[in-house]
């Protein structure tokens, strides 16, 4: 069995420059790491890169903690804090103290399972062994994700609790499949950890929330994240840079239908080949 992976990111129609960043690699395990900088914060594109690169540096610590689900949840915020503290030191040296308002998603594969840690909002999608596609959307009340940067400032964290409204139900996790959508509400700082067996889900995609930003200019209607994911997963895995190629193809296909991604989009895909 071989694990093939690729990633890419692109600018949204409403942005002047892209604030998403993504990288992938094979050491120490196949991995995809992506971040989405807050559009309201200056230099958050830099912050997204710093978070991704520091997460890559600390990836072995996440892998060491993947003994079971309980341990992954227990170490989730401790490892996130390590990442953002390292990134904060680097941002200060660059005079970009406010750069780290960004979501972060870390995913890796041990050969049989894809593991995901998510800090903030984002999207996951997977193709089941029977060909069906499922999607997971993580959102926050008031469209205000819980950034790792809030761990660095008690006053900002206190303000976030106010903005979030009911902090016990500020995190929304929606599961979307062919039968409909099921949503659960969680406390704002509930660890977001997921795992996908490659036997059950041979293809797994991780993405920023730009995956749910596709809108028809003709009808002003937003496309279902599952529909977009299903189209994105129709790639030719034999091609190099298969995610980049499929994303460019899909954007062209959608543009002919006057459908555009309003937000930046970063995406990475793991797929198993026999």
Protein backbone atom coordinates (compact mmCIF):
# COMPACT_ATOMS: atom_id res chain seq x y z
CA UNK A 1 0.00 0.00 0.00
CA UNK A 2 1.24 3.49 -0.92
CA UNK A 3 0.11 6.84 0.44
CA UNK A 4 0.00 9.59 -2.17
CA UNK A 5 -0.41 13.19 -1.06
CA UNK A 6 -0.34 16.73 -2.39
CA UNK A 7 -1.51 20.21 -1.39
CA UNK A 8 -2.10 23.65 -2.84
CA UNK A 9 -3.60 27.02 -1.96
CA UNK A 10 -5.19 29.86 -3.92
CA UNK A 11 -6.54 33.36 -3.38
CA UNK A 12 -10.22 34.18 -2.89
CA UNK A 13 -12.12 36.60 -5.12
CA UNK A 14 -12.63 39.13 -2.30
CA UNK A 15 -8.97 39.24 -1.24
CA UNK A 16 -6.10 41.39 -2.47
CA UNK A 17 -3.52 38.82 -1.42
CA UNK A 18 -3.69 35.24 -0.18
CA UNK A 19 -3.63 34.69 3.59
CA UNK A 20 -3.76 30.88 3.48
CA UNK A 21 -0.63 28.77 3.52
CA UNK A 22 -0.11 25.01 3.22
CA UNK A 23 2.78 22.59 3.06
CA UNK A 24 3.10 18.82 2.75
CA UNK A 25 5.89 16.30 3.06
CA UNK A 26 6.81 12.69 3.88
CA UNK A 27 9.15 12.94 6.86
CA UNK A 28 8.80 11.80 9.57
CA UNK A 29 5.39 10.65 8.24
CA UNK A 30 3.27 11.82 5.29
CA UNK A 31 1.70 15.09 6.46
CA UNK A 32 -0.27 18.15 5.41
CA UNK A 33 -0.24 21.33 7.50
CA UNK A 34 -2.27 24.40 6.61
CA UNK A 35 -3.26 27.75 8.12
CA UNK A 36 -5.71 30.53 7.34
CA UNK A 37 -4.79 34.06 8.40
CA UNK A 38 -7.51 36.42 9.64
CA UNK A 39 -8.36 38.91 6.88
CA UNK A 40 -8.89 41.69 9.43
CA UNK A 41 -5.35 41.47 10.81
CA UNK A 42 -2.26 42.93 9.12
CA UNK A 43 0.52 40.47 8.34
CA UNK A 44 -1.67 37.43 9.06
CA UNK A 45 -0.31 35.84 5.87
CA UNK A 46 3.08 35.89 7.60
CA UNK A 47 1.48 34.50 10.76
CA UNK A 48 -0.05 31.63 8.81
CA UNK A 49 3.37 30.69 7.44
CA UNK A 50 5.03 30.91 10.86
CA UNK A 51 2.40 28.65 12.41
CA UNK A 52 2.66 26.07 9.62
CA UNK A 53 6.46 25.97 9.68
CA UNK A 54 6.64 25.71 13.47
CA UNK A 55 3.98 23.00 13.45
CA UNK A 56 6.06 21.07 10.93
CA UNK A 57 9.06 21.39 13.22
CA UNK A 58 7.05 20.03 16.16
CA UNK A 59 5.21 17.33 14.19
CA UNK A 60 7.16 14.47 15.87
CA UNK A 61 5.63 15.51 19.21
CA UNK A 62 2.12 15.15 17.80
CA UNK A 63 2.99 11.76 16.35
CA UNK A 64 4.42 10.58 19.68
CA UNK A 65 1.14 11.51 21.38
CA UNK A 66 -1.01 9.53 18.94
CA UNK A 67 -1.12 6.41 21.10
CA UNK A 68 -4.87 6.76 21.60
CA UNK A 69 -7.68 9.32 21.26
CA UNK A 70 -7.62 10.30 24.94
CA UNK A 71 -3.91 11.10 24.82
CA UNK A 72 -4.32 13.14 21.65
CA UNK A 73 -7.03 15.23 23.28
CA UNK A 74 -4.97 15.65 26.43
CA UNK A 75 -1.94 16.98 24.55
CA UNK A 76 -3.88 19.07 22.00
CA UNK A 77 -3.64 22.47 23.68
CA UNK A 78 -0.22 21.83 25.20
CA UNK A 79 1.28 21.23 21.77
CA UNK A 80 -0.68 24.12 20.24
CA UNK A 81 0.73 26.42 22.90
CA UNK A 82 4.28 25.32 22.04
CA UNK A 83 3.69 26.16 18.39
CA UNK A 84 2.22 29.61 18.96
CA UNK A 85 4.86 30.60 21.53
CA UNK A 86 7.66 29.75 19.11
CA UNK A 87 5.88 31.61 16.32
CA UNK A 88 5.26 34.62 18.59
CA UNK A 89 8.97 35.01 19.32
CA UNK A 90 9.71 35.01 15.60
CA UNK A 91 6.88 37.44 14.85
CA UNK A 92 8.15 39.89 17.49
CA UNK A 93 11.61 39.82 15.94
CA UNK A 94 9.99 40.78 12.63
CA UNK A 95 7.90 43.56 14.20
CA UNK A 96 4.65 41.72 13.40
CA UNK A 97 3.17 41.14 16.85
CA UNK A 98 -0.43 40.92 15.59
CA UNK A 99 0.30 38.44 12.80
CA UNK A 100 -0.72 35.22 14.55
CA UNK A 101 -4.50 35.47 14.36
CA UNK A 102 -4.79 32.41 12.12
CA UNK A 103 -6.35 28.97 12.18
CA UNK A 104 -4.09 25.92 12.02
CA UNK A 105 -4.71 22.35 10.86
CA UNK A 106 -2.18 19.56 11.29
CA UNK A 107 -2.74 16.18 9.62
CA UNK A 108 -0.50 13.16 9.19
CA UNK A 109 -0.75 9.52 8.24
CA UNK A 110 0.97 6.52 9.86
CA UNK A 111 0.15 4.28 6.89
CA UNK A 112 -3.23 3.06 8.14
CA UNK A 113 -4.90 6.14 9.67
CA UNK A 114 -5.01 9.88 8.99
CA UNK A 115 -4.91 11.93 12.20
CA UNK A 116 -6.04 15.56 12.39
CA UNK A 117 -5.62 18.32 14.96
CA UNK A 118 -7.57 21.50 14.20
CA UNK A 119 -7.16 24.88 15.92
CA UNK A 120 -9.96 27.14 14.71
CA UNK A 121 -12.40 26.62 11.85
CA UNK A 122 -11.90 24.49 8.77
CA UNK A 123 -13.24 21.65 6.64
CA UNK A 124 -12.54 17.95 6.28
CA UNK A 125 -13.81 15.60 3.59
CA UNK A 126 -13.36 11.91 2.94
CA UNK A 127 -14.38 9.39 0.31
CA UNK A 128 -15.62 6.15 1.81
CA UNK A 129 -14.63 2.76 0.48
CA UNK A 130 -18.08 2.52 -1.16
CA UNK A 131 -17.46 5.79 -3.03
CA UNK A 132 -19.68 8.05 -0.93
CA UNK A 133 -18.32 11.40 0.25
CA UNK A 134 -18.71 12.83 3.74
CA UNK A 135 -17.72 16.31 4.90
CA UNK A 136 -17.10 17.92 8.27
CA UNK A 137 -17.43 21.67 8.83
CA UNK A 138 -16.09 23.37 11.95
CA UNK A 139 -17.42 26.87 12.60
CA UNK A 140 -17.60 29.31 15.51
CA UNK A 141 -20.28 31.66 16.82
CA UNK A 142 -20.09 35.10 15.24
CA UNK A 143 -17.65 33.77 12.64
CA UNK A 144 -14.95 34.27 15.28
CA UNK A 145 -12.59 31.27 15.40
CA UNK A 146 -10.73 30.47 18.60
CA UNK A 147 -7.16 31.28 17.51
CA UNK A 148 -4.06 29.90 19.19
CA UNK A 149 -2.92 33.51 19.61
CA UNK A 150 -5.55 33.99 22.33
CA UNK A 151 -3.48 31.69 24.54
CA UNK A 152 -0.80 34.40 24.63
CA UNK A 153 -3.00 37.21 26.01
CA UNK A 154 -5.44 36.83 28.91
CA UNK A 155 -7.24 40.08 28.11
CA UNK A 156 -7.89 39.03 24.51
CA UNK A 157 -9.05 35.62 25.71
CA UNK A 158 -11.50 37.25 28.12
CA UNK A 159 -12.80 39.48 25.34
CA UNK A 160 -13.20 36.45 23.08
CA UNK A 161 -15.42 34.77 25.66
CA UNK A 162 -17.68 37.83 25.55
CA UNK A 163 -17.78 37.99 21.75
CA UNK A 164 -18.50 34.25 21.52
CA UNK A 165 -21.79 34.76 23.34
CA UNK A 166 -22.37 31.41 25.01
CA UNK A 167 -18.86 29.93 25.36
CA UNK A 168 -20.34 26.52 26.16
CA UNK A 169 -21.84 26.29 22.66
CA UNK A 170 -19.56 28.53 20.57
CA UNK A 171 -17.99 25.69 18.57
CA UNK A 172 -20.11 24.05 15.86
CA UNK A 173 -19.14 20.74 14.26
CA UNK A 174 -21.35 19.62 11.35
CA UNK A 175 -21.23 16.20 9.69
CA UNK A 176 -22.61 16.19 6.14
CA UNK A 177 -23.36 13.07 4.10
CA UNK A 178 -25.96 11.88 1.60
CA UNK A 179 -28.58 11.61 4.36
CA UNK A 180 -28.28 15.22 5.51
CA UNK A 181 -26.45 17.28 8.14
CA UNK A 182 -25.94 16.56 11.83
CA UNK A 183 -24.53 19.34 14.01
CA UNK A 184 -23.23 19.33 17.55
CA UNK A 185 -22.37 22.39 19.65
CA UNK A 186 -19.36 22.32 21.95
CA UNK A 187 -17.50 24.56 24.36
CA UNK A 188 -15.25 27.00 22.43
CA UNK A 189 -12.02 25.29 23.52
CA UNK A 190 -13.06 21.66 23.05
CA UNK A 191 -10.08 19.89 21.41
CA UNK A 192 -10.78 19.24 17.73
CA UNK A 193 -9.13 15.91 16.98
CA UNK A 194 -10.23 13.52 14.24
CA UNK A 195 -9.01 10.24 12.78
CA UNK A 196 -9.86 8.42 9.56
CA UNK A 197 -9.04 4.77 8.93
CA UNK A 198 -7.83 4.39 5.35
CA UNK A 199 -9.64 1.06 5.13
CA UNK A 200 -12.93 2.90 5.65
CA UNK A 201 -11.89 6.19 4.01
CA UNK A 202 -9.21 5.60 1.32
CA UNK A 203 -9.10 9.34 0.47
CA UNK A 204 -9.03 12.13 3.05
CA UNK A 205 -8.93 15.88 2.37
CA UNK A 206 -8.20 18.68 4.83
CA UNK A 207 -8.95 22.31 3.98
CA UNK A 208 -9.38 25.82 5.26
CA UNK A 209 -12.88 27.26 5.43
CA UNK A 210 -12.47 28.54 1.88
CA UNK A 211 -13.90 25.18 0.80
CA UNK A 212 -17.30 26.43 1.95
CA UNK A 213 -16.98 29.87 0.31
CA UNK A 214 -18.11 28.97 -3.24
CA UNK A 215 -21.03 31.17 -4.32
CA UNK A 216 -23.03 31.40 -7.54
CA UNK A 217 -22.94 34.92 -8.99
CA UNK A 218 -26.22 34.18 -10.77
CA UNK A 219 -28.26 33.11 -7.75
CA UNK A 220 -26.14 34.36 -4.81
CA UNK A 221 -26.51 30.88 -3.34
CA UNK A 222 -23.65 29.18 -1.55
CA UNK A 223 -22.66 25.72 -2.75
CA UNK A 224 -22.78 22.82 -0.30
CA UNK A 225 -19.36 22.04 1.11
CA UNK A 226 -20.01 18.36 0.42
CA UNK A 227 -20.79 19.07 -3.23
CA UNK A 228 -17.57 21.07 -3.63
CA UNK A 229 -15.58 18.37 -1.84
CA UNK A 230 -17.05 15.64 -4.05
CA UNK A 231 -15.95 17.57 -7.15
CA UNK A 232 -12.52 18.26 -5.69
CA UNK A 233 -11.97 14.57 -4.99
CA UNK A 234 -12.47 13.67 -8.67
CA UNK A 235 -8.75 13.86 -9.37
CA UNK A 236 -6.28 11.80 -11.37
CA UNK A 237 -3.92 10.42 -8.75
CA UNK A 238 -1.44 9.31 -11.42
CA UNK A 239 -0.55 12.94 -12.15
CA UNK A 240 2.14 14.87 -10.31
CA UNK A 241 0.76 17.76 -8.26
CA UNK A 242 -2.69 16.20 -8.53
CA UNK A 243 -4.25 18.57 -5.97
CA UNK A 244 -2.89 21.66 -7.72
CA UNK A 245 -4.08 20.37 -11.10
CA UNK A 246 -7.54 19.41 -9.85
CA UNK A 247 -8.00 22.70 -7.99
CA UNK A 248 -7.12 24.71 -11.09
CA UNK A 249 -9.45 22.57 -13.21
CA UNK A 250 -12.29 22.95 -10.72
CA UNK A 251 -11.89 26.72 -10.45
CA UNK A 252 -12.03 26.94 -14.25
CA UNK A 253 -15.10 24.69 -14.42
CA UNK A 254 -16.87 26.71 -11.75
CA UNK A 255 -15.96 30.06 -13.33
CA UNK A 256 -17.76 28.97 -16.52
CA UNK A 257 -20.85 28.50 -14.33
CA UNK A 258 -20.25 31.91 -12.66
CA UNK A 259 -19.35 30.21 -9.39
CA UNK A 260 -16.41 31.64 -7.44
CA UNK A 261 -14.58 31.05 -4.16
CA UNK A 262 -14.91 34.28 -2.18
CA UNK A 263 -12.35 33.26 0.43
CA UNK A 264 -8.80 31.96 0.11
CA UNK A 265 -8.61 28.19 -0.08
CA UNK A 266 -5.88 25.88 1.14
CA UNK A 267 -6.30 22.12 0.72
CA UNK A 268 -4.32 18.92 1.05
CA UNK A 269 -5.28 15.33 0.20
CA UNK A 270 -4.08 11.90 1.34
CA UNK A 271 -5.09 8.96 -0.85
CA UNK A 272 -4.26 5.28 -0.58
CA UNK A 273 -3.12 3.31 -3.61
CA UNK A 274 -2.68 -0.46 -3.61
